[in-house]
Amino acid sequence: MTTAREIMTEGTECIGADETVLDAAKKMTGLGVGALPICGTDDKLKGMLTDRDIVVKVLGAGKDPAEVKAGDLAQGEAVTIGADDDAEEILRTMTSHKVRRLPVIDGRRLVGIVAQADVARALPDPKVGDLLQAMSTD
């Protein structure tokens, strides 16, 4: 069975919890991504920050992205997947937590990100349909 390590995007960059949302937006633009893991000064994963979070929770709320810290938008414990977990486990985790991207952890270290599209490419068609249907429902 295909593992997270085999389908993830490596070289994932974090945004520091103390960095601003504006810094995060610039980093997302530079990297051409729509989400960044939020990492604390202890190198521990604090959460994920998405472009949608920036629009809805900062801009839409009338807040200044140059003042809001990325860590302020981290909510609870980050949902992650182990590097050696298989595609079925990734599917279950994405579906149960309704997330489209999962940070991949090897021990305590962030080693990559698995996106919904990565899982879709790794699974047989019926499973892909199940994932897409689960992510589309409220």
N, C-alpha and C. Protein backbone atom coordinates (compact mmCIF):
# COMPACT_ATOMS: atom_id res chain seq x y z
N MET A 1 0.86 -1.19 0.00
CA MET A 1 0.00 0.00 0.00
C MET A 1 0.89 1.25 0.00
N THR A 2 0.47 2.25 -0.70
CA THR A 2 1.19 3.51 -0.80
C THR A 2 1.18 4.24 0.54
N THR A 3 2.33 4.80 0.93
CA THR A 3 2.43 5.52 2.20
C THR A 3 2.47 7.03 1.98
N ALA A 4 2.24 7.75 3.05
CA ALA A 4 2.29 9.22 3.00
C ALA A 4 3.65 9.69 2.49
N ARG A 5 4.70 9.04 2.93
CA ARG A 5 6.06 9.42 2.52
C ARG A 5 6.22 9.35 1.00
N GLU A 6 5.53 8.40 0.38
CA GLU A 6 5.66 8.20 -1.07
C GLU A 6 4.88 9.22 -1.89
N ILE A 7 3.82 9.79 -1.32
CA ILE A 7 2.98 10.70 -2.11
C ILE A 7 3.03 12.15 -1.65
N MET A 8 3.70 12.42 -0.54
CA MET A 8 3.72 13.78 0.01
C MET A 8 4.59 14.70 -0.82
N THR A 9 4.38 15.99 -0.62
CA THR A 9 5.27 17.01 -1.16
C THR A 9 6.30 17.29 -0.07
N GLU A 10 7.56 17.10 -0.41
CA GLU A 10 8.64 17.31 0.57
C GLU A 10 9.06 18.77 0.61
N GLY A 11 9.93 19.08 1.57
CA GLY A 11 10.50 20.42 1.65
C GLY A 11 9.49 21.47 2.06
N THR A 12 8.54 21.06 2.86
CA THR A 12 7.49 21.97 3.31
C THR A 12 8.07 23.06 4.20
N GLU A 13 7.72 24.30 3.91
CA GLU A 13 8.16 25.43 4.73
C GLU A 13 7.07 25.82 5.69
N CYS A 14 7.48 26.20 6.89
CA CYS A 14 6.54 26.66 7.92
C CYS A 14 6.47 28.18 7.92
N ILE A 15 5.41 28.67 8.52
CA ILE A 15 5.36 30.07 8.92
C ILE A 15 5.47 30.04 10.43
N GLY A 16 6.31 30.90 10.98
CA GLY A 16 6.47 30.94 12.42
C GLY A 16 5.23 31.48 13.10
N ALA A 17 4.91 30.93 14.26
CA ALA A 17 3.73 31.38 15.01
C ALA A 17 3.79 32.86 15.33
N ASP A 18 5.00 33.41 15.46
CA ASP A 18 5.17 34.82 15.79
C ASP A 18 5.25 35.72 14.56
N GLU A 19 5.26 35.12 13.36
CA GLU A 19 5.28 35.91 12.12
C GLU A 19 3.87 36.39 11.82
N THR A 20 3.78 37.47 11.06
CA THR A 20 2.46 38.04 10.77
C THR A 20 1.76 37.27 9.64
N VAL A 21 0.47 37.47 9.58
CA VAL A 21 -0.34 36.88 8.52
C VAL A 21 0.09 37.48 7.17
N LEU A 22 0.50 38.73 7.16
CA LEU A 22 1.01 39.34 5.93
C LEU A 22 2.26 38.61 5.46
N ASP A 23 3.17 38.28 6.39
CA ASP A 23 4.36 37.49 6.04
C ASP A 23 3.94 36.15 5.45
N ALA A 24 2.93 35.53 6.06
CA ALA A 24 2.44 34.23 5.58
C ALA A 24 1.89 34.36 4.16
N ALA A 25 1.11 35.40 3.92
CA ALA A 25 0.53 35.60 2.58
C ALA A 25 1.63 35.79 1.54
N LYS A 26 2.66 36.55 1.89
CA LYS A 26 3.78 36.75 0.96
C LYS A 26 4.51 35.43 0.70
N LYS A 27 4.69 34.63 1.75
CA LYS A 27 5.37 33.34 1.59
C LYS A 27 4.53 32.41 0.73
N MET A 28 3.21 32.38 0.96
CA MET A 28 2.33 31.56 0.14
C MET A 28 2.42 31.96 -1.33
N THR A 29 2.43 33.26 -1.57
CA THR A 29 2.52 33.76 -2.94
C THR A 29 3.84 33.33 -3.58
N GLY A 30 4.92 33.51 -2.85
CA GLY A 30 6.24 33.15 -3.37
C GLY A 30 6.39 31.66 -3.66
N LEU A 31 5.77 30.85 -2.81
CA LEU A 31 5.88 29.39 -2.98
C LEU A 31 4.80 28.83 -3.90
N GLY A 32 3.78 29.63 -4.18
CA GLY A 32 2.68 29.16 -5.02
C GLY A 32 1.83 28.11 -4.32
N VAL A 33 1.61 28.30 -3.02
CA VAL A 33 0.80 27.35 -2.24
C VAL A 33 -0.36 28.08 -1.58
N GLY A 34 -1.36 27.30 -1.14
CA GLY A 34 -2.53 27.88 -0.50
C GLY A 34 -2.60 27.61 0.99
N ALA A 35 -1.57 26.97 1.53
CA ALA A 35 -1.56 26.68 2.97
C ALA A 35 -0.12 26.51 3.44
N LEU A 36 0.08 26.86 4.70
CA LEU A 36 1.39 26.69 5.34
C LEU A 36 1.19 26.12 6.74
N PRO A 37 2.07 25.21 7.15
CA PRO A 37 2.05 24.78 8.54
C PRO A 37 2.52 25.95 9.42
N ILE A 38 1.94 26.06 10.61
CA ILE A 38 2.36 27.05 11.59
C ILE A 38 3.25 26.34 12.59
N CYS A 39 4.50 26.80 12.73
CA CYS A 39 5.44 26.17 13.65
C CYS A 39 5.82 27.15 14.75
N GLY A 40 5.93 26.63 15.96
CA GLY A 40 6.34 27.44 17.11
C GLY A 40 7.84 27.55 17.20
N THR A 41 8.31 28.33 18.15
CA THR A 41 9.75 28.50 18.34
C THR A 41 10.40 27.19 18.79
N ASP A 42 9.60 26.26 19.30
CA ASP A 42 10.09 24.94 19.71
C ASP A 42 10.08 23.94 18.55
N ASP A 43 9.82 24.44 17.34
CA ASP A 43 9.73 23.62 16.13
C ASP A 43 8.57 22.65 16.16
N LYS A 44 7.66 22.84 17.08
CA LYS A 44 6.48 21.99 17.15
C LYS A 44 5.39 22.57 16.27
N LEU A 45 4.70 21.69 15.56
CA LEU A 45 3.61 22.09 14.67
C LEU A 45 2.45 22.60 15.52
N LYS A 46 2.00 23.82 15.21
CA LYS A 46 0.91 24.44 15.97
C LYS A 46 -0.42 24.38 15.22
N GLY A 47 -0.38 24.22 13.91
CA GLY A 47 -1.60 24.20 13.12
C GLY A 47 -1.29 24.46 11.66
N MET A 48 -2.36 24.68 10.90
CA MET A 48 -2.22 25.01 9.48
C MET A 48 -2.89 26.36 9.25
N LEU A 49 -2.30 27.13 8.38
CA LEU A 49 -2.86 28.42 7.97
C LEU A 49 -3.16 28.34 6.48
N THR A 50 -4.40 28.63 6.11
CA THR A 50 -4.78 28.57 4.70
C THR A 50 -5.06 29.97 4.17
N ASP A 51 -5.06 30.07 2.85
CA ASP A 51 -5.40 31.35 2.24
C ASP A 51 -6.83 31.75 2.62
N ARG A 52 -7.70 30.76 2.78
CA ARG A 52 -9.07 31.04 3.19
C ARG A 52 -9.11 31.61 4.61
N ASP A 53 -8.29 31.08 5.51
CA ASP A 53 -8.21 31.63 6.87
C ASP A 53 -7.86 33.11 6.83
N ILE A 54 -6.91 33.45 5.97
CA ILE A 54 -6.48 34.85 5.86
C ILE A 54 -7.63 35.73 5.39
N VAL A 55 -8.33 35.27 4.38
CA VAL A 55 -9.43 36.06 3.82
C VAL A 55 -10.59 36.19 4.82
N VAL A 56 -11.01 35.06 5.39
CA VAL A 56 -12.20 35.07 6.25
C VAL A 56 -11.91 35.62 7.65
N LYS A 57 -10.86 35.13 8.28
CA LYS A 57 -10.61 35.46 9.69
C LYS A 57 -9.83 36.74 9.90
N VAL A 58 -9.17 37.22 8.85
CA VAL A 58 -8.40 38.46 8.99
C VAL A 58 -9.01 39.57 8.14
N LEU A 59 -8.92 39.44 6.84
CA LEU A 59 -9.42 40.51 5.96
C LEU A 59 -10.92 40.71 6.11
N GLY A 60 -11.68 39.62 6.07
CA GLY A 60 -13.13 39.72 6.18
C GLY A 60 -13.59 40.24 7.53
N ALA A 61 -12.76 40.05 8.56
CA ALA A 61 -13.09 40.53 9.90
C ALA A 61 -12.55 41.94 10.15
N GLY A 62 -11.97 42.55 9.10
CA GLY A 62 -11.48 43.92 9.21
C GLY A 62 -10.20 44.06 10.01
N LYS A 63 -9.45 42.97 10.16
CA LYS A 63 -8.19 43.02 10.90
C LYS A 63 -7.03 43.33 9.96
N ASP A 64 -5.96 43.84 10.53
CA ASP A 64 -4.77 44.20 9.76
C ASP A 64 -3.84 42.98 9.67
N PRO A 65 -3.61 42.45 8.47
CA PRO A 65 -2.75 41.27 8.34
C PRO A 65 -1.30 41.52 8.77
N ALA A 66 -0.90 42.77 8.84
CA ALA A 66 0.44 43.11 9.30
C ALA A 66 0.54 43.08 10.83
N GLU A 67 -0.62 42.99 11.49
CA GLU A 67 -0.65 42.98 12.96
C GLU A 67 -0.99 41.61 13.54
N VAL A 68 -1.80 40.84 12.82
CA VAL A 68 -2.24 39.52 13.32
C VAL A 68 -1.10 38.52 13.15
N LYS A 69 -0.84 37.76 14.20
CA LYS A 69 0.20 36.72 14.16
C LYS A 69 -0.39 35.42 13.63
N ALA A 70 0.40 34.70 12.86
CA ALA A 70 -0.05 33.42 12.31
C ALA A 70 -0.50 32.48 13.43
N GLY A 71 0.21 32.47 14.53
CA GLY A 71 -0.13 31.61 15.65
C GLY A 71 -1.48 31.90 16.25
N ASP A 72 -1.98 33.14 16.08
CA ASP A 72 -3.30 33.49 16.59
C ASP A 72 -4.40 32.74 15.86
N LEU A 73 -4.11 32.23 14.67
CA LEU A 73 -5.10 31.53 13.86
C LEU A 73 -5.00 30.01 13.98
N ALA A 74 -4.00 29.53 14.72
CA ALA A 74 -3.87 28.08 14.95
C ALA A 74 -4.97 27.66 15.90
N GLN A 75 -5.71 26.64 15.52
CA GLN A 75 -6.86 26.21 16.33
C GLN A 75 -6.62 24.81 16.88
N GLY A 76 -6.44 24.71 18.17
CA GLY A 76 -6.29 23.40 18.80
C GLY A 76 -5.09 22.65 18.28
N GLU A 77 -5.12 21.35 18.44
CA GLU A 77 -4.02 20.52 18.00
C GLU A 77 -4.12 20.26 16.51
N ALA A 78 -2.99 20.32 15.83
CA ALA A 78 -2.98 20.10 14.38
C ALA A 78 -3.29 18.65 14.06
N VAL A 79 -4.07 18.44 13.02
CA VAL A 79 -4.36 17.10 12.52
C VAL A 79 -3.20 16.73 11.61
N THR A 80 -2.54 15.61 11.88
CA THR A 80 -1.37 15.18 11.11
C THR A 80 -1.52 13.72 10.70
N ILE A 81 -0.56 13.28 9.92
CA ILE A 81 -0.49 11.88 9.50
C ILE A 81 0.97 11.45 9.64
N GLY A 82 1.19 10.21 9.99
CA GLY A 82 2.56 9.69 10.08
C GLY A 82 3.12 9.40 8.70
N ALA A 83 4.42 9.57 8.55
CA ALA A 83 5.07 9.37 7.26
C ALA A 83 4.88 7.97 6.71
N ASP A 84 4.73 6.98 7.58
CA ASP A 84 4.59 5.60 7.13
C ASP A 84 3.14 5.11 7.13
N ASP A 85 2.19 6.02 7.41
CA ASP A 85 0.78 5.65 7.34
C ASP A 85 0.39 5.46 5.87
N ASP A 86 -0.53 4.52 5.64
CA ASP A 86 -0.91 4.23 4.26
C ASP A 86 -2.02 5.16 3.76
N ALA A 87 -2.26 5.08 2.47
CA ALA A 87 -3.23 5.97 1.82
C ALA A 87 -4.63 5.81 2.40
N GLU A 88 -4.98 4.59 2.82
CA GLU A 88 -6.30 4.37 3.44
C GLU A 88 -6.43 5.16 4.75
N GLU A 89 -5.35 5.18 5.54
CA GLU A 89 -5.36 5.93 6.81
C GLU A 89 -5.43 7.44 6.53
N ILE A 90 -4.73 7.88 5.51
CA ILE A 90 -4.79 9.29 5.12
C ILE A 90 -6.22 9.65 4.74
N LEU A 91 -6.84 8.79 3.94
CA LEU A 91 -8.24 8.98 3.53
C LEU A 91 -9.15 9.08 4.74
N ARG A 92 -9.01 8.14 5.68
CA ARG A 92 -9.85 8.17 6.89
C ARG A 92 -9.64 9.45 7.68
N THR A 93 -8.39 9.88 7.82
CA THR A 93 -8.08 11.09 8.60
C THR A 93 -8.65 12.33 7.93
N MET A 94 -8.45 12.45 6.64
CA MET A 94 -8.99 13.61 5.91
C MET A 94 -10.51 13.65 6.01
N THR A 95 -11.13 12.49 5.83
CA THR A 95 -12.58 12.42 5.85
C THR A 95 -13.14 12.73 7.23
N SER A 96 -12.57 12.14 8.27
CA SER A 96 -13.12 12.34 9.61
C SER A 96 -12.90 13.75 10.13
N HIS A 97 -11.81 14.39 9.71
CA HIS A 97 -11.51 15.76 10.18
C HIS A 97 -11.89 16.83 9.16
N LYS A 98 -12.38 16.40 7.99
CA LYS A 98 -12.78 17.33 6.93
C LYS A 98 -11.66 18.32 6.58
N VAL A 99 -10.47 17.78 6.33
CA VAL A 99 -9.33 18.61 5.93
C VAL A 99 -8.83 18.14 4.57
N ARG A 100 -8.32 19.07 3.80
CA ARG A 100 -7.84 18.78 2.45
C ARG A 100 -6.32 18.62 2.39
N ARG A 101 -5.65 19.01 3.45
CA ARG A 101 -4.18 18.90 3.50
C ARG A 101 -3.78 18.40 4.88
N LEU A 102 -2.81 17.49 4.90
CA LEU A 102 -2.32 16.96 6.16
C LEU A 102 -0.80 17.12 6.24
N PRO A 103 -0.32 17.74 7.31
CA PRO A 103 1.13 17.73 7.55
C PRO A 103 1.57 16.29 7.81
N VAL A 104 2.71 15.92 7.27
CA VAL A 104 3.25 14.58 7.45
C VAL A 104 4.39 14.67 8.46
N ILE A 105 4.27 13.85 9.52
CA ILE A 105 5.22 13.88 10.62
C ILE A 105 6.01 12.57 10.66
N ASP A 106 7.32 12.70 10.85
CA ASP A 106 8.18 11.53 11.08
C ASP A 106 8.78 11.73 12.46
N GLY A 107 8.23 11.04 13.44
CA GLY A 107 8.61 11.32 14.83
C GLY A 107 7.97 12.64 15.23
N ARG A 108 8.81 13.62 15.56
CA ARG A 108 8.32 14.97 15.87
C ARG A 108 8.55 15.93 14.71
N ARG A 109 9.22 15.46 13.67
CA ARG A 109 9.68 16.34 12.61
C ARG A 109 8.69 16.39 11.45
N LEU A 110 8.39 17.62 11.01
CA LEU A 110 7.55 17.83 9.83
C LEU A 110 8.38 17.51 8.60
N VAL A 111 7.90 16.56 7.77
CA VAL A 111 8.68 16.15 6.60
C VAL A 111 7.98 16.44 5.28
N GLY A 112 6.70 16.84 5.34
CA GLY A 112 6.00 17.12 4.10
C GLY A 112 4.52 17.40 4.33
N ILE A 113 3.82 17.53 3.22
CA ILE A 113 2.37 17.75 3.24
C ILE A 113 1.74 16.79 2.23
N VAL A 114 0.62 16.19 2.61
CA VAL A 114 -0.17 15.39 1.68
C VAL A 114 -1.45 16.16 1.43
N ALA A 115 -1.73 16.43 0.16
CA ALA A 115 -2.95 17.13 -0.23
C ALA A 115 -3.97 16.13 -0.74
N GLN A 116 -5.21 16.56 -0.77
CA GLN A 116 -6.30 15.72 -1.26
C GLN A 116 -5.98 15.17 -2.66
N ALA A 117 -5.40 15.99 -3.50
CA ALA A 117 -5.07 15.56 -4.86
C ALA A 117 -4.01 14.45 -4.85
N ASP A 118 -3.08 14.50 -3.91
CA ASP A 118 -2.06 13.44 -3.80
C ASP A 118 -2.71 12.10 -3.48
N VAL A 119 -3.67 12.12 -2.55
CA VAL A 119 -4.36 10.91 -2.15
C VAL A 119 -5.21 10.40 -3.32
N ALA A 120 -5.86 11.31 -4.01
CA ALA A 120 -6.70 10.93 -5.15
C ALA A 120 -5.89 10.19 -6.21
N ARG A 121 -4.66 10.64 -6.43
CA ARG A 121 -3.81 9.97 -7.43
C ARG A 121 -3.35 8.59 -6.94
N ALA A 122 -3.26 8.40 -5.63
CA ALA A 122 -2.73 7.15 -5.07
C ALA A 122 -3.79 6.07 -4.84
N LEU A 123 -5.06 6.44 -4.83
CA LEU A 123 -6.13 5.50 -4.53
C LEU A 123 -6.87 5.07 -5.78
N PRO A 124 -7.51 3.89 -5.73
CA PRO A 124 -8.35 3.47 -6.86
C PRO A 124 -9.57 4.39 -6.97
N ASP A 125 -10.12 4.49 -8.16
CA ASP A 125 -11.22 5.42 -8.45
C ASP A 125 -12.37 5.41 -7.45
N PRO A 126 -12.91 4.25 -7.03
CA PRO A 126 -14.05 4.28 -6.09
C PRO A 126 -13.70 4.99 -4.77
N LYS A 127 -12.48 4.79 -4.29
CA LYS A 127 -12.05 5.42 -3.04
C LYS A 127 -11.93 6.93 -3.23
N VAL A 128 -11.46 7.35 -4.39
CA VAL A 128 -11.35 8.78 -4.69
C VAL A 128 -12.74 9.41 -4.66
N GLY A 129 -13.71 8.73 -5.24
CA GLY A 129 -15.08 9.23 -5.22
C GLY A 129 -15.60 9.37 -3.79
N ASP A 130 -15.29 8.39 -2.94
CA ASP A 130 -15.70 8.45 -1.53
C ASP A 130 -15.08 9.68 -0.85
N LEU A 131 -13.79 9.92 -1.12
CA LEU A 131 -13.11 11.07 -0.51
C LEU A 131 -13.74 12.37 -0.96
N LEU A 132 -13.95 12.51 -2.24
CA LEU A 132 -14.52 13.75 -2.77
C LEU A 132 -15.94 13.98 -2.24
N GLN A 133 -16.71 12.91 -2.14
CA GLN A 133 -18.07 13.04 -1.62
C GLN A 133 -18.03 13.44 -0.14
N ALA A 134 -17.15 12.84 0.63
CA ALA A 134 -17.05 13.15 2.06
C ALA A 134 -16.62 14.60 2.27
N MET A 135 -15.73 15.09 1.42
CA MET A 135 -15.24 16.47 1.57
C MET A 135 -16.25 17.49 1.10
N SER A 136 -17.20 17.07 0.29
CA SER A 136 -18.19 17.99 -0.28
C SER A 136 -19.41 18.17 0.62
N THR A 137 -19.63 17.25 1.54
CA THR A 137 -20.80 17.32 2.40
C THR A 137 -20.48 18.08 3.68
N ASP A 138 -21.50 18.67 4.28
CA ASP A 138 -21.29 19.43 5.52
C ASP A 138 -21.33 18.56 6.72
